[in-house]
Amino acid sequence: MPTYTVTTANLALSPQQKSRIADAITTAHSNQTGAPRFFAQVIFSAVAEGDHFVGGKGNSEPQLFVSGLIREGRSDEVKQALMSQMLVEITATAGVSATHVWIYLQDIPATQMMEFGRFLPAPGQEEAWIQEMNDQK
């Protein structure tokens, strides 16, 4: 299950904005990787005022950071398309310019990820993994 953490600094998002951003990230992940939508989870957090520094100096500009932990196995082209699709929706929803959005993806081998008490499948093997899980119910 890809996990995306959205962290804001000097920017307050409404519940509606958070919902739209979560949907945009989920849609982008599903569209670009082919993974089922229900695999994606999005977690929001905010940096307290005065706790964001750039170059050792306090920053007061609005910033939005997206850190995504995803299974390895996707091409650079897929990952760049994923980030580009997210960027368009995030900037429109949050009302910030692209220069205030930071997106980082980190690949993790499926063998190093465990969810629902089971190691994750390799990309493309989700259906068999889900079926096996359903068979064990």
N, C-alpha and C. Protein backbone atom coordinates (compact mmCIF):
# COMPACT_ATOMS: atom_id res chain seq x y z
N MET A 1 0.84 -1.16 0.00
CA MET A 1 0.00 0.00 0.00
C MET A 1 0.89 1.23 0.00
N PRO A 2 0.83 2.01 -1.04
CA PRO A 2 1.65 3.23 -1.03
C PRO A 2 1.15 4.16 0.07
N THR A 3 2.08 4.78 0.74
CA THR A 3 1.74 5.73 1.80
C THR A 3 2.32 7.07 1.43
N TYR A 4 1.46 8.05 1.34
CA TYR A 4 1.87 9.41 1.03
C TYR A 4 1.62 10.27 2.26
N THR A 5 2.64 10.98 2.70
CA THR A 5 2.51 11.92 3.80
C THR A 5 2.60 13.33 3.24
N VAL A 6 1.56 14.10 3.48
CA VAL A 6 1.50 15.48 3.03
C VAL A 6 1.74 16.36 4.25
N THR A 7 2.81 17.13 4.21
CA THR A 7 3.17 18.01 5.32
C THR A 7 3.13 19.45 4.83
N THR A 8 2.47 20.30 5.61
CA THR A 8 2.40 21.71 5.25
C THR A 8 3.19 22.54 6.26
N ALA A 9 3.76 23.61 5.76
CA ALA A 9 4.43 24.61 6.60
C ALA A 9 3.91 25.97 6.17
N ASN A 10 3.46 26.75 7.12
CA ASN A 10 2.94 28.09 6.84
C ASN A 10 1.77 28.05 5.87
N LEU A 11 0.99 27.00 5.97
CA LEU A 11 -0.16 26.81 5.07
C LEU A 11 -1.19 25.94 5.78
N ALA A 12 -2.37 26.49 5.96
CA ALA A 12 -3.46 25.73 6.59
C ALA A 12 -4.39 25.24 5.50
N LEU A 13 -4.65 23.94 5.47
CA LEU A 13 -5.57 23.35 4.49
C LEU A 13 -6.90 23.06 5.18
N SER A 14 -7.98 23.35 4.48
CA SER A 14 -9.31 23.04 5.00
C SER A 14 -9.55 21.54 4.85
N PRO A 15 -10.54 21.01 5.55
CA PRO A 15 -10.88 19.60 5.37
C PRO A 15 -11.22 19.28 3.90
N GLN A 16 -11.87 20.21 3.21
CA GLN A 16 -12.20 19.99 1.80
C GLN A 16 -10.94 19.94 0.93
N GLN A 17 -9.98 20.81 1.21
CA GLN A 17 -8.72 20.79 0.46
C GLN A 17 -7.97 19.49 0.71
N LYS A 18 -7.94 19.06 1.96
CA LYS A 18 -7.27 17.79 2.27
C LYS A 18 -7.93 16.64 1.52
N SER A 19 -9.24 16.62 1.51
CA SER A 19 -9.96 15.56 0.80
C SER A 19 -9.65 15.58 -0.69
N ARG A 20 -9.63 16.76 -1.28
CA ARG A 20 -9.33 16.87 -2.72
C ARG A 20 -7.90 16.47 -3.03
N ILE A 21 -6.96 16.85 -2.16
CA ILE A 21 -5.56 16.48 -2.37
C ILE A 21 -5.38 14.97 -2.21
N ALA A 22 -6.03 14.40 -1.19
CA ALA A 22 -5.95 12.94 -1.00
C ALA A 22 -6.52 12.22 -2.22
N ASP A 23 -7.63 12.70 -2.74
CA ASP A 23 -8.21 12.09 -3.93
C ASP A 23 -7.29 12.25 -5.14
N ALA A 24 -6.67 13.42 -5.28
CA ALA A 24 -5.76 13.66 -6.41
C ALA A 24 -4.55 12.75 -6.35
N ILE A 25 -3.99 12.55 -5.16
CA ILE A 25 -2.84 11.67 -5.01
C ILE A 25 -3.24 10.23 -5.30
N THR A 26 -4.40 9.82 -4.76
CA THR A 26 -4.89 8.46 -5.01
C THR A 26 -5.14 8.23 -6.49
N THR A 27 -5.78 9.18 -7.14
CA THR A 27 -6.08 9.07 -8.57
C THR A 27 -4.80 9.00 -9.39
N ALA A 28 -3.85 9.88 -9.08
CA ALA A 28 -2.58 9.88 -9.81
C ALA A 28 -1.85 8.56 -9.63
N HIS A 29 -1.82 8.06 -8.39
CA HIS A 29 -1.12 6.80 -8.15
C HIS A 29 -1.78 5.66 -8.95
N SER A 30 -3.08 5.59 -8.90
CA SER A 30 -3.79 4.53 -9.61
C SER A 30 -3.64 4.68 -11.12
N ASN A 31 -3.81 5.90 -11.62
CA ASN A 31 -3.69 6.14 -13.07
C ASN A 31 -2.31 5.78 -13.61
N GLN A 32 -1.28 6.19 -12.89
CA GLN A 32 0.07 6.04 -13.41
C GLN A 32 0.69 4.67 -13.14
N THR A 33 0.28 4.00 -12.05
CA THR A 33 0.90 2.71 -11.72
C THR A 33 0.00 1.52 -12.03
N GLY A 34 -1.30 1.77 -12.16
CA GLY A 34 -2.24 0.68 -12.39
C GLY A 34 -2.67 -0.02 -11.11
N ALA A 35 -2.16 0.41 -9.96
CA ALA A 35 -2.54 -0.19 -8.69
C ALA A 35 -3.97 0.21 -8.33
N PRO A 36 -4.70 -0.67 -7.65
CA PRO A 36 -6.06 -0.32 -7.24
C PRO A 36 -6.08 0.91 -6.34
N ARG A 37 -7.12 1.73 -6.47
CA ARG A 37 -7.23 2.96 -5.67
C ARG A 37 -7.19 2.68 -4.17
N PHE A 38 -7.81 1.58 -3.74
CA PHE A 38 -7.91 1.34 -2.31
C PHE A 38 -6.55 1.01 -1.68
N PHE A 39 -5.51 0.83 -2.49
CA PHE A 39 -4.18 0.58 -1.94
C PHE A 39 -3.57 1.87 -1.38
N ALA A 40 -3.92 3.02 -1.93
CA ALA A 40 -3.24 4.27 -1.56
C ALA A 40 -3.80 4.85 -0.27
N GLN A 41 -2.89 5.28 0.60
CA GLN A 41 -3.31 6.00 1.79
C GLN A 41 -2.54 7.31 1.85
N VAL A 42 -3.22 8.34 2.39
CA VAL A 42 -2.64 9.68 2.48
C VAL A 42 -2.81 10.17 3.91
N ILE A 43 -1.71 10.66 4.48
CA ILE A 43 -1.69 11.14 5.86
C ILE A 43 -1.25 12.60 5.83
N PHE A 44 -1.96 13.45 6.56
CA PHE A 44 -1.63 14.88 6.61
C PHE A 44 -1.02 15.25 7.96
N SER A 45 -0.07 16.16 7.91
CA SER A 45 0.49 16.74 9.13
C SER A 45 0.88 18.18 8.82
N ALA A 46 1.01 18.97 9.87
CA ALA A 46 1.39 20.37 9.70
C ALA A 46 2.56 20.69 10.61
N VAL A 47 3.47 21.49 10.10
CA VAL A 47 4.61 21.96 10.86
C VAL A 47 4.16 23.20 11.62
N ALA A 48 4.47 23.25 12.89
CA ALA A 48 4.08 24.40 13.70
C ALA A 48 4.78 25.67 13.20
N GLU A 49 4.10 26.80 13.36
CA GLU A 49 4.69 28.07 12.97
C GLU A 49 6.03 28.26 13.68
N GLY A 50 7.03 28.66 12.92
CA GLY A 50 8.36 28.87 13.48
C GLY A 50 9.24 27.63 13.47
N ASP A 51 8.69 26.49 12.99
CA ASP A 51 9.46 25.24 13.00
C ASP A 51 9.99 24.84 11.62
N HIS A 52 9.90 25.71 10.63
CA HIS A 52 10.41 25.39 9.29
C HIS A 52 11.56 26.33 8.96
N PHE A 53 12.70 25.73 8.65
CA PHE A 53 13.90 26.50 8.35
C PHE A 53 14.46 26.07 7.00
N VAL A 54 14.99 27.03 6.26
CA VAL A 54 15.66 26.76 5.00
C VAL A 54 17.01 27.48 5.06
N GLY A 55 18.08 26.75 4.85
CA GLY A 55 19.40 27.34 4.91
C GLY A 55 19.73 27.92 6.29
N GLY A 56 19.12 27.32 7.32
CA GLY A 56 19.38 27.77 8.68
C GLY A 56 18.57 28.98 9.12
N LYS A 57 17.69 29.47 8.24
CA LYS A 57 16.88 30.64 8.56
C LYS A 57 15.41 30.28 8.54
N GLY A 58 14.66 30.87 9.46
CA GLY A 58 13.23 30.63 9.51
C GLY A 58 12.56 30.97 8.19
N ASN A 59 11.63 30.12 7.77
CA ASN A 59 10.91 30.34 6.52
C ASN A 59 9.47 30.67 6.84
N SER A 60 8.94 31.70 6.22
CA SER A 60 7.54 32.07 6.42
C SER A 60 6.70 31.87 5.17
N GLU A 61 7.30 31.40 4.09
CA GLU A 61 6.57 31.14 2.86
C GLU A 61 5.76 29.85 2.99
N PRO A 62 4.60 29.78 2.36
CA PRO A 62 3.82 28.53 2.40
C PRO A 62 4.55 27.43 1.62
N GLN A 63 4.59 26.24 2.20
CA GLN A 63 5.24 25.10 1.56
C GLN A 63 4.37 23.87 1.76
N LEU A 64 4.37 23.00 0.79
CA LEU A 64 3.64 21.74 0.88
C LEU A 64 4.58 20.64 0.39
N PHE A 65 4.78 19.64 1.25
CA PHE A 65 5.69 18.54 0.96
C PHE A 65 4.89 17.25 0.83
N VAL A 66 5.17 16.47 -0.20
CA VAL A 66 4.56 15.15 -0.37
C VAL A 66 5.69 14.14 -0.39
N SER A 67 5.67 13.23 0.58
CA SER A 67 6.65 12.15 0.62
C SER A 67 5.90 10.85 0.39
N GLY A 68 6.26 10.16 -0.67
CA GLY A 68 5.58 8.92 -1.02
C GLY A 68 6.49 7.72 -0.89
N LEU A 69 6.02 6.73 -0.14
CA LEU A 69 6.71 5.44 -0.05
C LEU A 69 5.96 4.47 -0.95
N ILE A 70 6.62 4.02 -2.02
CA ILE A 70 5.96 3.16 -2.99
C ILE A 70 6.83 1.93 -3.25
N ARG A 71 6.17 0.87 -3.75
CA ARG A 71 6.93 -0.33 -4.10
C ARG A 71 7.83 -0.05 -5.29
N GLU A 72 9.04 -0.60 -5.23
CA GLU A 72 9.94 -0.43 -6.36
C GLU A 72 9.42 -1.24 -7.55
N GLY A 73 9.94 -0.91 -8.71
CA GLY A 73 9.56 -1.65 -9.91
C GLY A 73 8.91 -0.78 -10.96
N ARG A 74 8.72 0.50 -10.65
CA ARG A 74 8.13 1.42 -11.62
C ARG A 74 9.25 2.15 -12.33
N SER A 75 9.04 2.44 -13.60
CA SER A 75 10.05 3.15 -14.39
C SER A 75 10.13 4.61 -13.96
N ASP A 76 11.24 5.26 -14.32
CA ASP A 76 11.37 6.69 -14.05
C ASP A 76 10.26 7.47 -14.73
N GLU A 77 9.87 7.04 -15.94
CA GLU A 77 8.81 7.74 -16.66
C GLU A 77 7.49 7.66 -15.90
N VAL A 78 7.17 6.50 -15.36
CA VAL A 78 5.93 6.35 -14.58
C VAL A 78 5.98 7.22 -13.33
N LYS A 79 7.10 7.20 -12.64
CA LYS A 79 7.21 7.99 -11.41
C LYS A 79 7.16 9.49 -11.70
N GLN A 80 7.76 9.93 -12.78
CA GLN A 80 7.71 11.35 -13.12
C GLN A 80 6.30 11.76 -13.55
N ALA A 81 5.61 10.88 -14.28
CA ALA A 81 4.22 11.16 -14.65
C ALA A 81 3.34 11.22 -13.40
N LEU A 82 3.58 10.34 -12.45
CA LEU A 82 2.85 10.33 -11.19
C LEU A 82 3.05 11.65 -10.45
N MET A 83 4.29 12.09 -10.30
CA MET A 83 4.57 13.34 -9.60
C MET A 83 3.99 14.53 -10.35
N SER A 84 4.09 14.54 -11.67
CA SER A 84 3.56 15.64 -12.47
C SER A 84 2.05 15.75 -12.33
N GLN A 85 1.35 14.62 -12.37
CA GLN A 85 -0.10 14.64 -12.23
C GLN A 85 -0.48 15.15 -10.83
N MET A 86 0.22 14.70 -9.81
CA MET A 86 -0.07 15.19 -8.45
C MET A 86 0.17 16.69 -8.36
N LEU A 87 1.26 17.17 -8.91
CA LEU A 87 1.61 18.59 -8.82
C LEU A 87 0.50 19.48 -9.36
N VAL A 88 -0.05 19.13 -10.51
CA VAL A 88 -1.10 19.95 -11.12
C VAL A 88 -2.29 20.10 -10.17
N GLU A 89 -2.75 18.99 -9.63
CA GLU A 89 -3.92 19.02 -8.74
C GLU A 89 -3.61 19.68 -7.40
N ILE A 90 -2.45 19.42 -6.86
CA ILE A 90 -2.09 19.98 -5.56
C ILE A 90 -1.99 21.50 -5.63
N THR A 91 -1.33 22.02 -6.65
CA THR A 91 -1.19 23.48 -6.74
C THR A 91 -2.55 24.14 -6.92
N ALA A 92 -3.41 23.55 -7.73
CA ALA A 92 -4.75 24.12 -7.94
C ALA A 92 -5.57 24.08 -6.65
N THR A 93 -5.49 22.99 -5.93
CA THR A 93 -6.29 22.83 -4.72
C THR A 93 -5.76 23.66 -3.56
N ALA A 94 -4.46 23.67 -3.36
CA ALA A 94 -3.87 24.38 -2.22
C ALA A 94 -3.70 25.88 -2.49
N GLY A 95 -3.78 26.27 -3.76
CA GLY A 95 -3.62 27.68 -4.10
C GLY A 95 -2.20 28.18 -3.95
N VAL A 96 -1.24 27.31 -4.20
CA VAL A 96 0.17 27.70 -4.14
C VAL A 96 0.82 27.43 -5.50
N SER A 97 1.93 28.10 -5.74
CA SER A 97 2.64 27.87 -7.00
C SER A 97 3.46 26.58 -6.91
N ALA A 98 3.84 26.08 -8.05
CA ALA A 98 4.64 24.85 -8.11
C ALA A 98 5.97 25.01 -7.37
N THR A 99 6.46 26.23 -7.26
CA THR A 99 7.72 26.46 -6.56
C THR A 99 7.59 26.28 -5.05
N HIS A 100 6.36 26.10 -4.57
CA HIS A 100 6.13 25.90 -3.14
C HIS A 100 5.71 24.46 -2.82
N VAL A 101 5.82 23.58 -3.81
CA VAL A 101 5.45 22.17 -3.62
C VAL A 101 6.68 21.31 -3.85
N TRP A 102 6.92 20.41 -2.91
CA TRP A 102 8.05 19.50 -2.96
C TRP A 102 7.50 18.09 -2.95
N ILE A 103 7.88 17.27 -3.93
CA ILE A 103 7.39 15.90 -3.99
C ILE A 103 8.59 14.96 -4.05
N TYR A 104 8.57 13.98 -3.14
CA TYR A 104 9.64 12.99 -3.07
C TYR A 104 9.03 11.60 -3.11
N LEU A 105 9.54 10.74 -3.96
CA LEU A 105 9.13 9.34 -3.98
C LEU A 105 10.31 8.48 -3.55
N GLN A 106 10.00 7.49 -2.76
CA GLN A 106 11.05 6.56 -2.31
C GLN A 106 10.57 5.15 -2.63
N ASP A 107 11.38 4.43 -3.40
CA ASP A 107 11.08 3.04 -3.75
C ASP A 107 11.47 2.12 -2.60
N ILE A 108 10.59 1.18 -2.30
CA ILE A 108 10.88 0.16 -1.30
C ILE A 108 10.58 -1.20 -1.93
N PRO A 109 11.49 -2.17 -1.83
CA PRO A 109 11.19 -3.50 -2.36
C PRO A 109 9.96 -4.08 -1.66
N ALA A 110 9.10 -4.76 -2.41
CA ALA A 110 7.90 -5.36 -1.83
C ALA A 110 8.25 -6.30 -0.69
N THR A 111 9.42 -6.92 -0.77
CA THR A 111 9.85 -7.84 0.30
C THR A 111 10.18 -7.11 1.59
N GLN A 112 10.24 -5.78 1.54
CA GLN A 112 10.53 -4.99 2.73
C GLN A 112 9.33 -4.18 3.19
N MET A 113 8.13 -4.62 2.76
CA MET A 113 6.89 -3.95 3.14
C MET A 113 5.90 -5.01 3.60
N MET A 114 5.27 -4.77 4.74
CA MET A 114 4.29 -5.71 5.26
C MET A 114 3.02 -4.95 5.60
N GLU A 115 1.89 -5.46 5.10
CA GLU A 115 0.58 -4.87 5.37
C GLU A 115 -0.42 -5.99 5.56
N PHE A 116 -1.35 -5.78 6.44
CA PHE A 116 -2.35 -6.80 6.76
C PHE A 116 -1.68 -8.10 7.20
N GLY A 117 -0.48 -7.96 7.81
CA GLY A 117 0.24 -9.13 8.30
C GLY A 117 0.90 -9.95 7.21
N ARG A 118 1.01 -9.38 6.01
CA ARG A 118 1.58 -10.12 4.87
C ARG A 118 2.54 -9.23 4.09
N PHE A 119 3.57 -9.86 3.51
CA PHE A 119 4.47 -9.12 2.64
C PHE A 119 3.69 -8.71 1.39
N LEU A 120 4.03 -7.56 0.87
CA LEU A 120 3.33 -7.06 -0.31
C LEU A 120 3.75 -7.82 -1.56
N PRO A 121 2.84 -7.84 -2.54
CA PRO A 121 3.18 -8.49 -3.80
C PRO A 121 4.04 -7.57 -4.67
N ALA A 122 4.69 -8.14 -5.63
CA ALA A 122 5.42 -7.34 -6.62
C ALA A 122 4.39 -6.58 -7.45
N PRO A 123 4.75 -5.40 -8.02
CA PRO A 123 3.81 -4.68 -8.86
C PRO A 123 3.25 -5.59 -9.96
N GLY A 124 1.94 -5.52 -10.15
CA GLY A 124 1.28 -6.35 -11.15
C GLY A 124 0.72 -7.64 -10.58
N GLN A 125 1.07 -7.99 -9.36
CA GLN A 125 0.62 -9.23 -8.73
C GLN A 125 -0.45 -8.98 -7.66
N GLU A 126 -1.04 -7.78 -7.66
CA GLU A 126 -2.00 -7.41 -6.62
C GLU A 126 -3.23 -8.31 -6.59
N GLU A 127 -3.76 -8.65 -7.77
CA GLU A 127 -5.01 -9.44 -7.80
C GLU A 127 -4.83 -10.80 -7.12
N ALA A 128 -3.74 -11.48 -7.41
CA ALA A 128 -3.49 -12.78 -6.79
C ALA A 128 -3.30 -12.62 -5.28
N TRP A 129 -2.64 -11.55 -4.86
CA TRP A 129 -2.41 -11.27 -3.45
C TRP A 129 -3.73 -11.04 -2.73
N ILE A 130 -4.60 -10.24 -3.35
CA ILE A 130 -5.93 -9.97 -2.78
C ILE A 130 -6.75 -11.24 -2.72
N GLN A 131 -6.73 -12.03 -3.79
CA GLN A 131 -7.49 -13.27 -3.82
C GLN A 131 -7.01 -14.22 -2.73
N GLU A 132 -5.71 -14.33 -2.58
CA GLU A 132 -5.16 -15.20 -1.53
C GLU A 132 -5.60 -14.73 -0.14
N MET A 133 -5.62 -13.41 0.04
CA MET A 133 -6.06 -12.86 1.31
C MET A 133 -7.55 -13.19 1.55
N ASN A 134 -8.36 -13.04 0.50
CA ASN A 134 -9.79 -13.35 0.61
C ASN A 134 -10.02 -14.83 0.89
N ASP A 135 -9.19 -15.68 0.30
CA ASP A 135 -9.33 -17.14 0.51
C ASP A 135 -9.04 -17.52 1.97
N GLN A 136 -8.24 -16.70 2.66
CA GLN A 136 -7.86 -17.01 4.03
C GLN A 136 -8.89 -16.51 5.05
N LYS A 137 -9.90 -15.79 4.61
CA LYS A 137 -10.92 -15.24 5.53
C LYS A 137 -11.82 -16.34 6.06
